[in-house]
Amino acid sequence: MSLEQAIEKLTAAVEANTAALLKSGGSASTSTGKAETKEKKTEKYEAKHTKDEMMAILSELKKKAGGDAEVPKKIIKEVGGADKMADINDPAKIDAVYDAAKKKMSELEEGGDGL
């Protein structure tokens, strides 16, 4: 295929696309419009706590529990959905684990059993 033939073929394709676009009413934003709508619906989660804060409170919880590592491990597993706190990277889960650890510390201070 020569260069001239390739140009003619591409020109025909562009003309066909233009005709199809004009026939559909000139609306070419169907796919981009959907992507924009989806982006607007799924706003980015704004974390309240950092991973370091979560790790610090879990360490503090272990101390409050008398060195019992099972107390924070249970929160990591049940709330964070992970085996190790280092595996928790989702900001929403970090916040949930932090909040659960904070709640458990309050229960331990009050002498409750909790989780």
N, C-alpha and C. Protein backbone atom coordinates (compact mmCIF):
# COMPACT_ATOMS: atom_id res chain seq x y z
N MET A 1 0.86 -1.16 0.00
CA MET A 1 0.00 0.00 0.00
C MET A 1 0.91 1.23 0.00
N SER A 2 0.62 2.12 -0.93
CA SER A 2 1.42 3.33 -1.02
C SER A 2 0.95 4.36 0.00
N LEU A 3 1.72 5.38 0.16
CA LEU A 3 1.38 6.45 1.09
C LEU A 3 0.09 7.14 0.67
N GLU A 4 -0.07 7.35 -0.64
CA GLU A 4 -1.29 8.00 -1.14
C GLU A 4 -2.52 7.16 -0.87
N GLN A 5 -2.41 5.85 -1.03
CA GLN A 5 -3.53 4.96 -0.75
C GLN A 5 -3.89 4.98 0.73
N ALA A 6 -2.88 4.99 1.59
CA ALA A 6 -3.13 5.03 3.02
C ALA A 6 -3.83 6.32 3.42
N ILE A 7 -3.39 7.43 2.84
CA ILE A 7 -4.02 8.73 3.12
C ILE A 7 -5.47 8.73 2.66
N GLU A 8 -5.73 8.18 1.47
CA GLU A 8 -7.10 8.11 0.96
C GLU A 8 -7.98 7.25 1.86
N LYS A 9 -7.43 6.16 2.35
CA LYS A 9 -8.19 5.26 3.23
C LYS A 9 -8.52 5.96 4.56
N LEU A 10 -7.54 6.66 5.13
CA LEU A 10 -7.77 7.37 6.37
C LEU A 10 -8.75 8.53 6.18
N THR A 11 -8.65 9.22 5.05
CA THR A 11 -9.58 10.31 4.75
C THR A 11 -11.00 9.79 4.64
N ALA A 12 -11.17 8.65 4.00
CA ALA A 12 -12.50 8.04 3.88
C ALA A 12 -13.05 7.66 5.25
N ALA A 13 -12.18 7.17 6.14
CA ALA A 13 -12.61 6.80 7.48
C ALA A 13 -13.04 8.03 8.27
N VAL A 14 -12.29 9.12 8.16
CA VAL A 14 -12.64 10.36 8.85
C VAL A 14 -13.97 10.89 8.33
N GLU A 15 -14.15 10.85 7.01
CA GLU A 15 -15.41 11.33 6.43
C GLU A 15 -16.60 10.47 6.89
N ALA A 16 -16.40 9.16 6.98
CA ALA A 16 -17.46 8.27 7.45
C ALA A 16 -17.80 8.56 8.91
N ASN A 17 -16.79 8.79 9.72
CA ASN A 17 -17.03 9.13 11.13
C ASN A 17 -17.75 10.47 11.27
N THR A 18 -17.35 11.43 10.45
CA THR A 18 -18.00 12.74 10.48
C THR A 18 -19.47 12.62 10.09
N ALA A 19 -19.74 11.84 9.06
CA ALA A 19 -21.12 11.65 8.62
C ALA A 19 -21.95 10.97 9.71
N ALA A 20 -21.38 9.97 10.36
CA ALA A 20 -22.09 9.27 11.44
C ALA A 20 -22.34 10.21 12.61
N LEU A 21 -21.39 11.06 12.90
CA LEU A 21 -21.53 12.02 13.98
C LEU A 21 -22.65 13.02 13.67
N LEU A 22 -22.65 13.53 12.46
CA LEU A 22 -23.69 14.49 12.08
C LEU A 22 -25.07 13.83 12.07
N LYS A 23 -25.12 12.58 11.67
CA LYS A 23 -26.38 11.85 11.63
C LYS A 23 -26.94 11.63 13.03
N SER A 24 -26.06 11.47 14.04
CA SER A 24 -26.52 11.24 15.40
C SER A 24 -26.84 12.54 16.13
N GLY A 25 -26.80 13.64 15.42
CA GLY A 25 -27.15 14.92 16.03
C GLY A 25 -25.95 15.68 16.55
N GLY A 26 -24.77 15.24 16.24
CA GLY A 26 -23.56 15.95 16.62
C GLY A 26 -23.13 15.74 18.05
N SER A 27 -23.69 14.75 18.71
CA SER A 27 -23.35 14.51 20.11
C SER A 27 -22.26 13.46 20.21
N ALA A 28 -21.04 13.90 20.45
CA ALA A 28 -19.91 12.98 20.56
C ALA A 28 -19.50 12.75 22.00
N SER A 29 -20.21 13.34 22.95
CA SER A 29 -19.77 13.27 24.35
C SER A 29 -20.39 12.12 25.13
N THR A 30 -20.91 11.10 24.47
CA THR A 30 -21.56 10.02 25.21
C THR A 30 -20.60 9.28 26.12
N SER A 31 -19.42 8.91 25.64
CA SER A 31 -18.50 8.16 26.50
C SER A 31 -17.81 9.07 27.50
N THR A 32 -17.43 10.27 27.12
CA THR A 32 -16.76 11.16 28.06
C THR A 32 -17.73 11.67 29.11
N GLY A 33 -18.97 11.86 28.76
CA GLY A 33 -19.96 12.32 29.73
C GLY A 33 -20.17 11.30 30.83
N LYS A 34 -20.18 10.03 30.49
CA LYS A 34 -20.34 8.98 31.49
C LYS A 34 -19.15 8.93 32.43
N ALA A 35 -17.96 9.11 31.89
CA ALA A 35 -16.76 9.07 32.73
C ALA A 35 -16.76 10.23 33.70
N GLU A 36 -17.16 11.41 33.24
CA GLU A 36 -17.21 12.57 34.13
C GLU A 36 -18.23 12.37 35.23
N THR A 37 -19.40 11.81 34.90
CA THR A 37 -20.44 11.58 35.89
C THR A 37 -19.95 10.59 36.94
N LYS A 38 -19.27 9.54 36.50
CA LYS A 38 -18.77 8.54 37.43
C LYS A 38 -17.74 9.15 38.38
N GLU A 39 -16.87 10.03 37.86
CA GLU A 39 -15.87 10.67 38.70
C GLU A 39 -16.52 11.55 39.75
N LYS A 40 -17.58 12.24 39.39
CA LYS A 40 -18.26 13.11 40.33
C LYS A 40 -18.95 12.32 41.43
N LYS A 41 -19.49 11.16 41.09
CA LYS A 41 -20.20 10.34 42.07
C LYS A 41 -19.25 9.73 43.10
N THR A 42 -18.08 9.30 42.65
CA THR A 42 -17.13 8.66 43.56
C THR A 42 -16.08 9.66 43.98
N GLU A 43 -16.44 10.49 44.95
CA GLU A 43 -15.48 11.45 45.47
C GLU A 43 -14.45 10.72 46.31
N LYS A 44 -13.25 11.24 46.31
CA LYS A 44 -12.15 10.61 47.04
C LYS A 44 -12.39 10.73 48.55
N TYR A 45 -12.16 9.62 49.25
CA TYR A 45 -12.33 9.59 50.69
C TYR A 45 -11.24 10.42 51.35
N GLU A 46 -11.62 11.28 52.24
CA GLU A 46 -10.67 12.13 52.97
C GLU A 46 -10.37 11.48 54.32
N ALA A 47 -9.15 11.02 54.48
CA ALA A 47 -8.75 10.32 55.71
C ALA A 47 -8.68 11.28 56.89
N LYS A 48 -9.10 10.78 58.05
CA LYS A 48 -9.03 11.55 59.28
C LYS A 48 -7.73 11.25 60.03
N HIS A 49 -7.20 10.05 59.82
CA HIS A 49 -6.01 9.61 60.54
C HIS A 49 -4.99 9.04 59.56
N THR A 50 -3.72 9.15 59.91
CA THR A 50 -2.66 8.58 59.08
C THR A 50 -2.40 7.13 59.50
N LYS A 51 -1.66 6.44 58.67
CA LYS A 51 -1.31 5.06 59.00
C LYS A 51 -0.43 5.04 60.25
N ASP A 52 0.44 6.02 60.38
CA ASP A 52 1.30 6.10 61.58
C ASP A 52 0.47 6.28 62.85
N GLU A 53 -0.58 7.10 62.77
CA GLU A 53 -1.46 7.29 63.92
C GLU A 53 -2.16 5.98 64.29
N MET A 54 -2.61 5.25 63.25
CA MET A 54 -3.26 3.97 63.49
C MET A 54 -2.29 3.00 64.17
N MET A 55 -1.07 2.94 63.67
CA MET A 55 -0.08 2.03 64.24
C MET A 55 0.26 2.42 65.68
N ALA A 56 0.33 3.71 65.94
CA ALA A 56 0.64 4.18 67.29
C ALA A 56 -0.46 3.82 68.27
N ILE A 57 -1.72 4.00 67.87
CA ILE A 57 -2.81 3.70 68.81
C ILE A 57 -2.94 2.20 69.03
N LEU A 58 -2.64 1.40 68.01
CA LEU A 58 -2.68 -0.06 68.20
C LEU A 58 -1.58 -0.50 69.16
N SER A 59 -0.42 0.13 69.06
CA SER A 59 0.67 -0.17 69.99
C SER A 59 0.30 0.24 71.41
N GLU A 60 -0.32 1.41 71.52
CA GLU A 60 -0.76 1.89 72.84
C GLU A 60 -1.84 0.97 73.41
N LEU A 61 -2.72 0.48 72.54
CA LEU A 61 -3.78 -0.44 72.97
C LEU A 61 -3.17 -1.72 73.53
N LYS A 62 -2.13 -2.22 72.86
CA LYS A 62 -1.46 -3.43 73.33
C LYS A 62 -0.92 -3.22 74.75
N LYS A 63 -0.33 -2.06 74.99
CA LYS A 63 0.19 -1.74 76.33
C LYS A 63 -0.95 -1.67 77.34
N LYS A 64 -2.06 -1.03 76.96
CA LYS A 64 -3.22 -0.90 77.85
C LYS A 64 -3.81 -2.26 78.19
N ALA A 65 -3.69 -3.20 77.24
CA ALA A 65 -4.24 -4.53 77.43
C ALA A 65 -3.26 -5.44 78.17
N GLY A 66 -2.26 -4.84 78.78
CA GLY A 66 -1.29 -5.62 79.55
C GLY A 66 -0.32 -6.39 78.67
N GLY A 67 -0.05 -5.89 77.49
CA GLY A 67 0.88 -6.55 76.59
C GLY A 67 0.25 -7.66 75.77
N ASP A 68 -1.08 -7.79 75.87
CA ASP A 68 -1.80 -8.82 75.13
C ASP A 68 -1.96 -8.40 73.67
N ALA A 69 -1.18 -9.00 72.78
CA ALA A 69 -1.21 -8.65 71.36
C ALA A 69 -2.51 -9.10 70.68
N GLU A 70 -3.23 -10.00 71.30
CA GLU A 70 -4.47 -10.49 70.69
C GLU A 70 -5.55 -9.41 70.60
N VAL A 71 -5.52 -8.46 71.52
CA VAL A 71 -6.53 -7.40 71.52
C VAL A 71 -6.41 -6.55 70.24
N PRO A 72 -5.24 -5.97 69.93
CA PRO A 72 -5.15 -5.22 68.68
C PRO A 72 -5.23 -6.11 67.43
N LYS A 73 -4.72 -7.34 67.53
CA LYS A 73 -4.80 -8.25 66.37
C LYS A 73 -6.24 -8.53 65.97
N LYS A 74 -7.11 -8.63 66.98
CA LYS A 74 -8.52 -8.89 66.70
C LYS A 74 -9.13 -7.71 65.94
N ILE A 75 -8.78 -6.49 66.33
CA ILE A 75 -9.29 -5.30 65.63
C ILE A 75 -8.74 -5.25 64.21
N ILE A 76 -7.44 -5.54 64.07
CA ILE A 76 -6.81 -5.53 62.75
C ILE A 76 -7.53 -6.51 61.82
N LYS A 77 -7.83 -7.69 62.34
CA LYS A 77 -8.47 -8.74 61.54
C LYS A 77 -9.93 -8.40 61.24
N GLU A 78 -10.70 -8.07 62.28
CA GLU A 78 -12.14 -7.87 62.11
C GLU A 78 -12.50 -6.54 61.45
N VAL A 79 -11.82 -5.48 61.82
CA VAL A 79 -12.17 -4.16 61.29
C VAL A 79 -11.35 -3.83 60.04
N GLY A 80 -10.05 -4.13 60.10
CA GLY A 80 -9.17 -3.81 58.98
C GLY A 80 -9.16 -4.84 57.89
N GLY A 81 -9.62 -6.06 58.19
CA GLY A 81 -9.66 -7.11 57.18
C GLY A 81 -8.27 -7.58 56.76
N ALA A 82 -7.30 -7.50 57.68
CA ALA A 82 -5.93 -7.89 57.35
C ALA A 82 -5.34 -8.70 58.50
N ASP A 83 -4.24 -9.38 58.21
CA ASP A 83 -3.55 -10.16 59.24
C ASP A 83 -2.54 -9.32 60.00
N LYS A 84 -1.98 -8.30 59.32
CA LYS A 84 -0.98 -7.43 59.95
C LYS A 84 -1.39 -5.98 59.73
N MET A 85 -1.05 -5.12 60.70
CA MET A 85 -1.43 -3.71 60.55
C MET A 85 -0.70 -3.07 59.37
N ALA A 86 0.45 -3.58 59.00
CA ALA A 86 1.19 -3.04 57.86
C ALA A 86 0.45 -3.27 56.54
N ASP A 87 -0.45 -4.24 56.52
CA ASP A 87 -1.21 -4.55 55.30
C ASP A 87 -2.42 -3.65 55.11
N ILE A 88 -2.74 -2.82 56.07
CA ILE A 88 -3.90 -1.93 55.97
C ILE A 88 -3.45 -0.63 55.32
N ASN A 89 -3.93 -0.39 54.10
CA ASN A 89 -3.52 0.80 53.35
C ASN A 89 -4.69 1.68 52.92
N ASP A 90 -5.89 1.16 52.96
CA ASP A 90 -7.07 1.92 52.55
C ASP A 90 -7.37 2.98 53.63
N PRO A 91 -7.44 4.26 53.25
CA PRO A 91 -7.69 5.32 54.24
C PRO A 91 -8.95 5.11 55.07
N ALA A 92 -10.01 4.59 54.47
CA ALA A 92 -11.25 4.35 55.21
C ALA A 92 -11.04 3.27 56.26
N LYS A 93 -10.29 2.23 55.92
CA LYS A 93 -10.03 1.15 56.88
C LYS A 93 -9.08 1.62 57.98
N ILE A 94 -8.12 2.47 57.61
CA ILE A 94 -7.21 3.02 58.62
C ILE A 94 -8.02 3.79 59.65
N ASP A 95 -8.95 4.62 59.18
CA ASP A 95 -9.79 5.38 60.10
C ASP A 95 -10.67 4.46 60.95
N ALA A 96 -11.21 3.42 60.33
CA ALA A 96 -12.08 2.49 61.07
C ALA A 96 -11.30 1.75 62.15
N VAL A 97 -10.09 1.31 61.82
CA VAL A 97 -9.25 0.61 62.80
C VAL A 97 -8.87 1.56 63.92
N TYR A 98 -8.50 2.79 63.56
CA TYR A 98 -8.14 3.78 64.57
C TYR A 98 -9.30 4.00 65.53
N ASP A 99 -10.49 4.21 64.97
CA ASP A 99 -11.67 4.46 65.80
C ASP A 99 -12.00 3.25 66.70
N ALA A 100 -11.88 2.04 66.15
CA ALA A 100 -12.16 0.84 66.94
C ALA A 100 -11.13 0.68 68.06
N ALA A 101 -9.88 0.98 67.78
CA ALA A 101 -8.84 0.88 68.81
C ALA A 101 -9.08 1.93 69.89
N LYS A 102 -9.47 3.12 69.50
CA LYS A 102 -9.75 4.19 70.46
C LYS A 102 -10.92 3.78 71.36
N LYS A 103 -11.94 3.20 70.75
CA LYS A 103 -13.11 2.75 71.52
C LYS A 103 -12.72 1.64 72.50
N LYS A 104 -11.91 0.71 72.02
CA LYS A 104 -11.48 -0.40 72.87
C LYS A 104 -10.63 0.11 74.04
N MET A 105 -9.80 1.11 73.79
CA MET A 105 -8.99 1.69 74.87
C MET A 105 -9.89 2.32 75.92
N SER A 106 -10.94 2.99 75.47
CA SER A 106 -11.89 3.60 76.42
C SER A 106 -12.56 2.54 77.26
N GLU A 107 -12.93 1.42 76.63
CA GLU A 107 -13.57 0.33 77.36
C GLU A 107 -12.62 -0.29 78.38
N LEU A 108 -11.35 -0.42 78.01
CA LEU A 108 -10.37 -0.97 78.94
C LEU A 108 -10.15 -0.04 80.12
N GLU A 109 -10.18 1.26 79.85
CA GLU A 109 -10.00 2.23 80.93
C GLU A 109 -11.18 2.20 81.90
N GLU A 110 -12.36 1.91 81.36
CA GLU A 110 -13.57 1.83 82.20
C GLU A 110 -13.70 0.47 82.85
N GLY A 111 -12.86 -0.46 82.46
CA GLY A 111 -12.90 -1.79 83.05
C GLY A 111 -13.85 -2.73 82.32
N GLY A 112 -14.31 -2.34 81.13
CA GLY A 112 -15.23 -3.18 80.34
C GLY A 112 -14.49 -4.24 79.57
N ASP A 113 -15.28 -5.14 78.97
CA ASP A 113 -14.70 -6.24 78.21
C ASP A 113 -14.64 -5.91 76.73
N GLY A 114 -15.68 -5.27 76.18
CA GLY A 114 -15.68 -4.82 74.79
C GLY A 114 -15.60 -5.90 73.76
N LEU A 115 -15.01 -5.54 72.62
CA LEU A 115 -14.87 -6.39 71.44
C LEU A 115 -14.70 -7.80 71.86
